[in-house]
Amino acid sequence: MKEQELREIIRREIRNALSEKVGGALKSRMGRLDKTQAMKMLRKVLSNKPATQQAEFVADLVKGLELKGNLSLLIKRIRQAN
């Protein structure tokens, strides 16, 4: 699977999860987070990594958030896309 395809799968799955589970306040906070220097630097560093490392990072990040509900399917899809 190409790196671009993997990125699109990750974006789509995260968007789907967010649209189903996240209220307006959290979406607003995510928008503010995206504008921070740390997030910009993280995106830049990740863009230079192979798709497999990007997917593992995202899966570990989501897992580390300790969110309620069943996110194991999303993590499984991210890892299978490799």
PDB file of N, CA and C in Angstrom:
ATOM      1  N   MET A   1       0.845  -1.173   0.000  1.00  0.00           N
ATOM      2  CA  MET A   1       0.000   0.000   0.000  1.00  0.00           C
ATOM      3  C   MET A   1       0.893   1.238   0.000  1.00  0.00           C
ATOM      4  N   LYS A   2       0.542   2.198  -0.806  1.00  0.00           N
ATOM      5  CA  LYS A   2       1.330   3.412  -0.914  1.00  0.00           C
ATOM      6  C   LYS A   2       1.139   4.299   0.302  1.00  0.00           C
ATOM      7  N   GLU A   3       2.154   5.090   0.578  1.00  0.00           N
ATOM      8  CA  GLU A   3       2.124   5.975   1.742  1.00  0.00           C
ATOM      9  C   GLU A   3       0.949   6.941   1.678  1.00  0.00           C
ATOM     10  N   GLN A   4       0.688   7.486   0.509  1.00  0.00           N
ATOM     11  CA  GLN A   4      -0.413   8.437   0.355  1.00  0.00           C
ATOM     12  C   GLN A   4      -1.757   7.775   0.657  1.00  0.00           C
ATOM     13  N   GLU A   5      -1.920   6.539   0.206  1.00  0.00           N
ATOM     14  CA  GLU A   5      -3.165   5.807   0.487  1.00  0.00           C
ATOM     15  C   GLU A   5      -3.324   5.573   1.980  1.00  0.00           C
ATOM     16  N   LEU A   6      -2.233   5.225   2.636  1.00  0.00           N
ATOM     17  CA  LEU A   6      -2.275   5.001   4.079  1.00  0.00           C
ATOM     18  C   LEU A   6      -2.654   6.275   4.812  1.00  0.00           C
ATOM     19  N   ARG A   7      -2.066   7.381   4.410  1.00  0.00           N
ATOM     20  CA  ARG A   7      -2.411   8.654   5.040  1.00  0.00           C
ATOM     21  C   ARG A   7      -3.889   8.969   4.881  1.00  0.00           C
ATOM     22  N   GLU A   8      -4.412   8.716   3.681  1.00  0.00           N
ATOM     23  CA  GLU A   8      -5.818   9.002   3.435  1.00  0.00           C
ATOM     24  C   GLU A   8      -6.727   8.108   4.286  1.00  0.00           C
ATOM     25  N   ILE A   9      -6.352   6.846   4.432  1.00  0.00           N
ATOM     26  CA  ILE A   9      -7.129   5.924   5.273  1.00  0.00           C
ATOM     27  C   ILE A   9      -7.135   6.420   6.711  1.00  0.00           C
ATOM     28  N   ILE A  10      -5.966   6.820   7.213  1.00  0.00           N
ATOM     29  CA  ILE A  10      -5.859   7.312   8.595  1.00  0.00           C
ATOM     30  C   ILE A  10      -6.718   8.555   8.775  1.00  0.00           C
ATOM     31  N   ARG A  11      -6.597   9.496   7.841  1.00  0.00           N
ATOM     32  CA  ARG A  11      -7.389  10.734   7.943  1.00  0.00           C
ATOM     33  C   ARG A  11      -8.887  10.426   7.932  1.00  0.00           C
ATOM     34  N   ARG A  12      -9.304   9.567   7.013  1.00  0.00           N
ATOM     35  CA  ARG A  12     -10.724   9.233   6.886  1.00  0.00           C
ATOM     36  C   ARG A  12     -11.251   8.572   8.158  1.00  0.00           C
ATOM     37  N   GLU A  13     -10.489   7.615   8.687  1.00  0.00           N
ATOM     38  CA  GLU A  13     -10.936   6.912   9.892  1.00  0.00           C
ATOM     39  C   GLU A  13     -10.989   7.849  11.101  1.00  0.00           C
ATOM     40  N   ILE A  14     -10.004   8.714  11.215  1.00  0.00           N
ATOM     41  CA  ILE A  14     -10.011   9.665  12.334  1.00  0.00           C
ATOM     42  C   ILE A  14     -11.176  10.630  12.191  1.00  0.00           C
ATOM     43  N   ARG A  15     -11.408  11.128  10.960  1.00  0.00           N
ATOM     44  CA  ARG A  15     -12.553  12.022  10.740  1.00  0.00           C
ATOM     45  C   ARG A  15     -13.862  11.337  11.099  1.00  0.00           C
ATOM     46  N   ASN A  16     -14.003  10.078  10.680  1.00  0.00           N
ATOM     47  CA  ASN A  16     -15.231   9.337  10.987  1.00  0.00           C
ATOM     48  C   ASN A  16     -15.408   9.174  12.492  1.00  0.00           C
ATOM     49  N   ALA A  17     -14.330   8.810  13.168  1.00  0.00           N
ATOM     50  CA  ALA A  17     -14.406   8.633  14.627  1.00  0.00           C
ATOM     51  C   ALA A  17     -14.728   9.958  15.310  1.00  0.00           C
ATOM     52  N   LEU A  18     -14.104  11.030  14.849  1.00  0.00           N
ATOM     53  CA  LEU A  18     -14.355  12.333  15.455  1.00  0.00           C
ATOM     54  C   LEU A  18     -15.770  12.804  15.207  1.00  0.00           C
ATOM     55  N   SER A  19     -16.254  12.612  14.003  1.00  0.00           N
ATOM     56  CA  SER A  19     -17.600  13.099  13.698  1.00  0.00           C
ATOM     57  C   SER A  19     -18.662  12.344  14.488  1.00  0.00           C
ATOM     58  N   GLU A  20     -18.373  11.097  14.816  1.00  0.00           N
ATOM     59  CA  GLU A  20     -19.340  10.305  15.575  1.00  0.00           C
ATOM     60  C   GLU A  20     -19.261  10.579  17.076  1.00  0.00           C
ATOM     61  N   LYS A  21     -18.084  10.831  17.586  1.00  0.00           N
ATOM     62  CA  LYS A  21     -17.884  10.847  19.030  1.00  0.00           C
ATOM     63  C   LYS A  21     -17.586  12.214  19.641  1.00  0.00           C
ATOM     64  N   VAL A  22     -17.164  13.162  18.852  1.00  0.00           N
ATOM     65  CA  VAL A  22     -16.647  14.404  19.419  1.00  0.00           C
ATOM     66  C   VAL A  22     -17.649  15.531  19.258  1.00  0.00           C
ATOM     67  N   GLY A  23     -17.860  16.254  20.339  1.00  0.00           N
ATOM     68  CA  GLY A  23     -18.749  17.402  20.307  1.00  0.00           C
ATOM     69  C   GLY A  23     -18.044  18.631  19.746  1.00  0.00           C
ATOM     70  N   GLY A  24     -18.797  19.681  19.588  1.00  0.00           N
ATOM     71  CA  GLY A  24     -18.275  20.914  19.015  1.00  0.00           C
ATOM     72  C   GLY A  24     -17.123  21.524  19.792  1.00  0.00           C
ATOM     73  N   ALA A  25     -17.174  21.429  21.109  1.00  0.00           N
ATOM     74  CA  ALA A  25     -16.111  22.028  21.929  1.00  0.00           C
ATOM     75  C   ALA A  25     -14.770  21.355  21.667  1.00  0.00           C
ATOM     76  N   LEU A  26     -14.779  20.040  21.559  1.00  0.00           N
ATOM     77  CA  LEU A  26     -13.526  19.329  21.309  1.00  0.00           C
ATOM     78  C   LEU A  26     -13.011  19.581  19.899  1.00  0.00           C
ATOM     79  N   LYS A  27     -13.900  19.711  18.942  1.00  0.00           N
ATOM     80  CA  LYS A  27     -13.479  20.025  17.575  1.00  0.00           C
ATOM     81  C   LYS A  27     -12.796  21.387  17.542  1.00  0.00           C
ATOM     82  N   SER A  28     -13.337  22.325  18.303  1.00  0.00           N
ATOM     83  CA  SER A  28     -12.743  23.651  18.385  1.00  0.00           C
ATOM     84  C   SER A  28     -11.352  23.587  18.992  1.00  0.00           C
ATOM     85  N   ARG A  29     -11.206  22.801  20.038  1.00  0.00           N
ATOM     86  CA  ARG A  29      -9.899  22.659  20.685  1.00  0.00           C
ATOM     87  C   ARG A  29      -8.896  21.991  19.745  1.00  0.00           C
ATOM     88  N   MET A  30      -9.356  21.016  18.964  1.00  0.00           N
ATOM     89  CA  MET A  30      -8.466  20.360  18.011  1.00  0.00           C
ATOM     90  C   MET A  30      -7.994  21.357  16.962  1.00  0.00           C
ATOM     91  N   GLY A  31      -8.872  22.237  16.538  1.00  0.00           N
ATOM     92  CA  GLY A  31      -8.494  23.271  15.582  1.00  0.00           C
ATOM     93  C   GLY A  31      -7.412  24.177  16.127  1.00  0.00           C
ATOM     94  N   ARG A  32      -7.532  24.516  17.410  1.00  0.00           N
ATOM     95  CA  ARG A  32      -6.512  25.351  18.039  1.00  0.00           C
ATOM     96  C   ARG A  32      -5.197  24.594  18.207  1.00  0.00           C
ATOM     97  N   LEU A  33      -5.292  23.308  18.511  1.00  0.00           N
ATOM     98  CA  LEU A  33      -4.099  22.482  18.659  1.00  0.00           C
ATOM     99  C   LEU A  33      -3.343  22.375  17.337  1.00  0.00           C
ATOM    100  N   ASP A  34      -4.068  22.232  16.243  1.00  0.00           N
ATOM    101  CA  ASP A  34      -3.437  22.122  14.928  1.00  0.00           C
ATOM    102  C   ASP A  34      -2.592  23.338  14.587  1.00  0.00           C
ATOM    103  N   LYS A  35      -2.917  24.484  15.164  1.00  0.00           N
ATOM    104  CA  LYS A  35      -2.208  25.725  14.853  1.00  0.00           C
ATOM    105  C   LYS A  35      -0.963  25.939  15.704  1.00  0.00           C
ATOM    106  N   THR A  36      -0.743  25.103  16.709  1.00  0.00           N
ATOM    107  CA  THR A  36       0.404  25.309  17.583  1.00  0.00           C
ATOM    108  C   THR A  36       1.703  24.919  16.890  1.00  0.00           C
ATOM    109  N   GLN A  37       2.781  25.508  17.348  1.00  0.00           N
ATOM    110  CA  GLN A  37       4.099  25.230  16.772  1.00  0.00           C
ATOM    111  C   GLN A  37       4.486  23.770  16.964  1.00  0.00           C
ATOM    112  N   ALA A  38       4.173  23.209  18.129  1.00  0.00           N
ATOM    113  CA  ALA A  38       4.524  21.814  18.395  1.00  0.00           C
ATOM    114  C   ALA A  38       3.824  20.869  17.413  1.00  0.00           C
ATOM    115  N   MET A  39       2.553  21.127  17.114  1.00  0.00           N
ATOM    116  CA  MET A  39       1.832  20.269  16.178  1.00  0.00           C
ATOM    117  C   MET A  39       2.395  20.424  14.767  1.00  0.00           C
ATOM    118  N   LYS A  40       2.745  21.629  14.395  1.00  0.00           N
ATOM    119  CA  LYS A  40       3.339  21.848  13.072  1.00  0.00           C
ATOM    120  C   LYS A  40       4.666  21.095  12.946  1.00  0.00           C
ATOM    121  N   MET A  41       5.461  21.131  14.001  1.00  0.00           N
ATOM    122  CA  MET A  41       6.738  20.422  13.988  1.00  0.00           C
ATOM    123  C   MET A  41       6.522  18.911  13.943  1.00  0.00           C
ATOM    124  N   LEU A  42       5.549  18.428  14.704  1.00  0.00           N
ATOM    125  CA  LEU A  42       5.238  17.001  14.701  1.00  0.00           C
ATOM    126  C   LEU A  42       4.822  16.541  13.311  1.00  0.00           C
ATOM    127  N   ARG A  43       3.962  17.301  12.662  1.00  0.00           N
ATOM    128  CA  ARG A  43       3.531  16.953  11.306  1.00  0.00           C
ATOM    129  C   ARG A  43       4.716  16.926  10.338  1.00  0.00           C
ATOM    130  N   LYS A  44       5.618  17.892  10.487  1.00  0.00           N
ATOM    131  CA  LYS A  44       6.776  17.959   9.604  1.00  0.00           C
ATOM    132  C   LYS A  44       7.676  16.735   9.794  1.00  0.00           C
ATOM    133  N   VAL A  45       7.929  16.372  11.049  1.00  0.00           N
ATOM    134  CA  VAL A  45       8.769  15.211  11.335  1.00  0.00           C
ATOM    135  C   VAL A  45       8.102  13.937  10.829  1.00  0.00           C
ATOM    136  N   LEU A  46       6.807  13.792  11.085  1.00  0.00           N
ATOM    137  CA  LEU A  46       6.102  12.589  10.642  1.00  0.00           C
ATOM    138  C   LEU A  46       6.056  12.472   9.127  1.00  0.00           C
ATOM    139  N   SER A  47       5.997  13.589   8.441  1.00  0.00           N
ATOM    140  CA  SER A  47       5.906  13.530   6.974  1.00  0.00           C
ATOM    141  C   SER A  47       7.167  12.942   6.349  1.00  0.00           C
ATOM    142  N   ASN A  48       8.283  12.980   7.088  1.00  0.00           N
ATOM    143  CA  ASN A  48       9.539  12.429   6.580  1.00  0.00           C
ATOM    144  C   ASN A  48       9.742  10.962   6.948  1.00  0.00           C
ATOM    145  N   LYS A  49       8.851  10.409   7.726  1.00  0.00           N
ATOM    146  CA  LYS A  49       8.968   9.014   8.166  1.00  0.00           C
ATOM    147  C   LYS A  49       8.214   8.095   7.200  1.00  0.00           C
ATOM    148  N   PRO A  50       8.603   6.822   7.162  1.00  0.00           N
ATOM    149  CA  PRO A  50       7.868   5.856   6.336  1.00  0.00           C
ATOM    150  C   PRO A  50       6.427   5.680   6.840  1.00  0.00           C
ATOM    151  N   ALA A  51       5.570   5.255   5.952  1.00  0.00           N
ATOM    152  CA  ALA A  51       4.152   5.095   6.286  1.00  0.00           C
ATOM    153  C   ALA A  51       3.941   4.146   7.457  1.00  0.00           C
ATOM    154  N   THR A  52       4.750   3.114   7.557  1.00  0.00           N
ATOM    155  CA  THR A  52       4.575   2.165   8.657  1.00  0.00           C
ATOM    156  C   THR A  52       4.845   2.828  10.005  1.00  0.00           C
ATOM    157  N   GLN A  53       5.879   3.666  10.070  1.00  0.00           N
ATOM    158  CA  GLN A  53       6.174   4.369  11.316  1.00  0.00           C
ATOM    159  C   GLN A  53       5.102   5.396  11.632  1.00  0.00           C
ATOM    160  N   GLN A  54       4.560   6.039  10.613  1.00  0.00           N
ATOM    161  CA  GLN A  54       3.477   6.996  10.824  1.00  0.00           C
ATOM    162  C   GLN A  54       2.258   6.296  11.405  1.00  0.00           C
ATOM    163  N   ALA A  55       1.913   5.159  10.832  1.00  0.00           N
ATOM    164  CA  ALA A  55       0.741   4.414  11.299  1.00  0.00           C
ATOM    165  C   ALA A  55       0.937   3.932  12.731  1.00  0.00           C
ATOM    166  N   GLU A  56       2.128   3.432  13.051  1.00  0.00           N
ATOM    167  CA  GLU A  56       2.403   2.980  14.408  1.00  0.00           C
ATOM    168  C   GLU A  56       2.323   4.140  15.397  1.00  0.00           C
ATOM    169  N   PHE A  57       2.837   5.297  15.006  1.00  0.00           N
ATOM    170  CA  PHE A  57       2.783   6.469  15.878  1.00  0.00           C
ATOM    171  C   PHE A  57       1.335   6.859  16.155  1.00  0.00           C
ATOM    172  N   VAL A  58       0.523   6.925  15.097  1.00  0.00           N
ATOM    173  CA  VAL A  58      -0.879   7.316  15.261  1.00  0.00           C
ATOM    174  C   VAL A  58      -1.619   6.294  16.122  1.00  0.00           C
ATOM    175  N   ALA A  59      -1.378   5.015  15.867  1.00  0.00           N
ATOM    176  CA  ALA A  59      -2.036   3.970  16.658  1.00  0.00           C
ATOM    177  C   ALA A  59      -1.651   4.078  18.128  1.00  0.00           C
ATOM    178  N   ASP A  60      -0.366   4.285  18.406  1.00  0.00           N
ATOM    179  CA  ASP A  60       0.082   4.426  19.798  1.00  0.00           C
ATOM    180  C   ASP A  60      -0.474   5.693  20.432  1.00  0.00           C
ATOM    181  N   LEU A  61      -0.558   6.759  19.651  1.00  0.00           N
ATOM    182  CA  LEU A  61      -1.110   8.016  20.158  1.00  0.00           C
ATOM    183  C   LEU A  61      -2.571   7.836  20.564  1.00  0.00           C
ATOM    184  N   VAL A  62      -3.352   7.238  19.701  1.00  0.00           N
ATOM    185  CA  VAL A  62      -4.773   7.012  19.991  1.00  0.00           C
ATOM    186  C   VAL A  62      -4.918   6.081  21.185  1.00  0.00           C
ATOM    187  N   LYS A  63      -4.115   5.042  21.216  1.00  0.00           N
ATOM    188  CA  LYS A  63      -4.171   4.088  22.324  1.00  0.00           C
ATOM    189  C   LYS A  63      -3.804   4.764  23.647  1.00  0.00           C
ATOM    190  N   GLY A  64      -2.828   5.656  23.603  1.00  0.00           N
ATOM    191  CA  GLY A  64      -2.366   6.342  24.802  1.00  0.00           C
ATOM    192  C   GLY A  64      -3.339   7.369  25.351  1.00  0.00           C
ATOM    193  N   LEU A  65      -4.316   7.763  24.562  1.00  0.00           N
ATOM    194  CA  LEU A  65      -5.298   8.736  25.034  1.00  0.00           C
ATOM    195  C   LEU A  65      -6.277   8.146  26.028  1.00  0.00           C
ATOM    196  N   GLU A  66      -6.327   6.832  26.098  1.00  0.00           N
ATOM    197  CA  GLU A  66      -7.219   6.124  27.019  1.00  0.00           C
ATOM    198  C   GLU A  66      -8.654   6.620  26.902  1.00  0.00           C
ATOM    199  N   LEU A  67      -9.140   6.654  25.678  1.00  0.00           N
ATOM    200  CA  LEU A  67     -10.496   7.119  25.423  1.00  0.00           C
ATOM    201  C   LEU A  67     -11.510   6.046  25.773  1.00  0.00           C
ATOM    202  N   LYS A  68     -12.714   6.492  26.054  1.00  0.00           N
ATOM    203  CA  LYS A  68     -13.800   5.563  26.338  1.00  0.00           C
ATOM    204  C   LYS A  68     -14.270   4.950  25.032  1.00  0.00           C
ATOM    205  N   GLY A  69     -14.882   3.798  25.122  1.00  0.00           N
ATOM    206  CA  GLY A  69     -15.425   3.154  23.933  1.00  0.00           C
ATOM    207  C   GLY A  69     -14.420   2.199  23.318  1.00  0.00           C
ATOM    208  N   ASN A  70     -14.798   1.663  22.180  1.00  0.00           N
ATOM    209  CA  ASN A  70     -13.995   0.653  21.512  1.00  0.00           C
ATOM    210  C   ASN A  70     -13.245   1.265  20.340  1.00  0.00           C
ATOM    211  N   LEU A  71     -12.031   1.694  20.570  1.00  0.00           N
ATOM    212  CA  LEU A  71     -11.206   2.238  19.500  1.00  0.00           C
ATOM    213  C   LEU A  71     -10.267   1.182  18.927  1.00  0.00           C
ATOM    214  N   SER A  72     -10.370  -0.035  19.441  1.00  0.00           N
ATOM    215  CA  SER A  72      -9.466  -1.079  18.962  1.00  0.00           C
ATOM    216  C   SER A  72      -9.659  -1.347  17.475  1.00  0.00           C
ATOM    217  N   LEU A  73     -10.876  -1.176  16.965  1.00  0.00           N
ATOM    218  CA  LEU A  73     -11.120  -1.384  15.536  1.00  0.00           C
ATOM    219  C   LEU A  73     -10.353  -0.361  14.708  1.00  0.00           C
ATOM    220  N   LEU A  74     -10.364   0.892  15.129  1.00  0.00           N
ATOM    221  CA  LEU A  74      -9.619   1.932  14.418  1.00  0.00           C
ATOM    222  C   LEU A  74      -8.127   1.620  14.441  1.00  0.00           C
ATOM    223  N   ILE A  75      -7.607   1.246  15.601  1.00  0.00           N
ATOM    224  CA  ILE A  75      -6.179   0.925  15.720  1.00  0.00           C
ATOM    225  C   ILE A  75      -5.842  -0.276  14.851  1.00  0.00           C
ATOM    226  N   LYS A  76      -6.721  -1.261  14.849  1.00  0.00           N
ATOM    227  CA  LYS A  76      -6.500  -2.453  14.027  1.00  0.00           C
ATOM    228  C   LYS A  76      -6.470  -2.101  12.540  1.00  0.00           C
ATOM    229  N   ARG A  77      -7.377  -1.239  12.100  1.00  0.00           N
ATOM    230  CA  ARG A  77      -7.391  -0.818  10.693  1.00  0.00           C
ATOM    231  C   ARG A  77      -6.143  -0.055  10.312  1.00  0.00           C
ATOM    232  N   ILE A  78      -5.674   0.790  11.210  1.00  0.00           N
ATOM    233  CA  ILE A  78      -4.451   1.545  10.942  1.00  0.00           C
ATOM    234  C   ILE A  78      -3.282   0.593  10.770  1.00  0.00           C
ATOM    235  N   ARG A  79      -3.170  -0.361  11.648  1.00  0.00           N
ATOM    236  CA  ARG A  79      -2.052  -1.305  11.577  1.00  0.00           C
ATOM    237  C   ARG A  79      -2.188  -2.241  10.380  1.00  0.00           C
ATOM    238  N   GLN A  80      -3.398  -2.632   9.999  1.00  0.00           N
ATOM    239  CA  GLN A  80      -3.591  -3.521   8.851  1.00  0.00           C
ATOM    240  C   GLN A  80      -3.276  -2.825   7.533  1.00  0.00           C
ATOM    241  N   ALA A  81      -3.408  -1.531   7.509  1.00  0.00           N
ATOM    242  CA  ALA A  81      -3.161  -0.785   6.276  1.00  0.00           C
ATOM    243  C   ALA A  81      -1.698  -0.850   5.863  1.00  0.00           C
ATOM    244  N   ASN A  82      -0.838  -1.267   6.772  1.00  0.00           N
ATOM    245  CA  ASN A  82       0.598  -1.388   6.445  1.00  0.00           C
ATOM    246  C   ASN A  82       0.769  -2.572   5.580  1.00  0.00           C
TER     247      ASN A  82
END
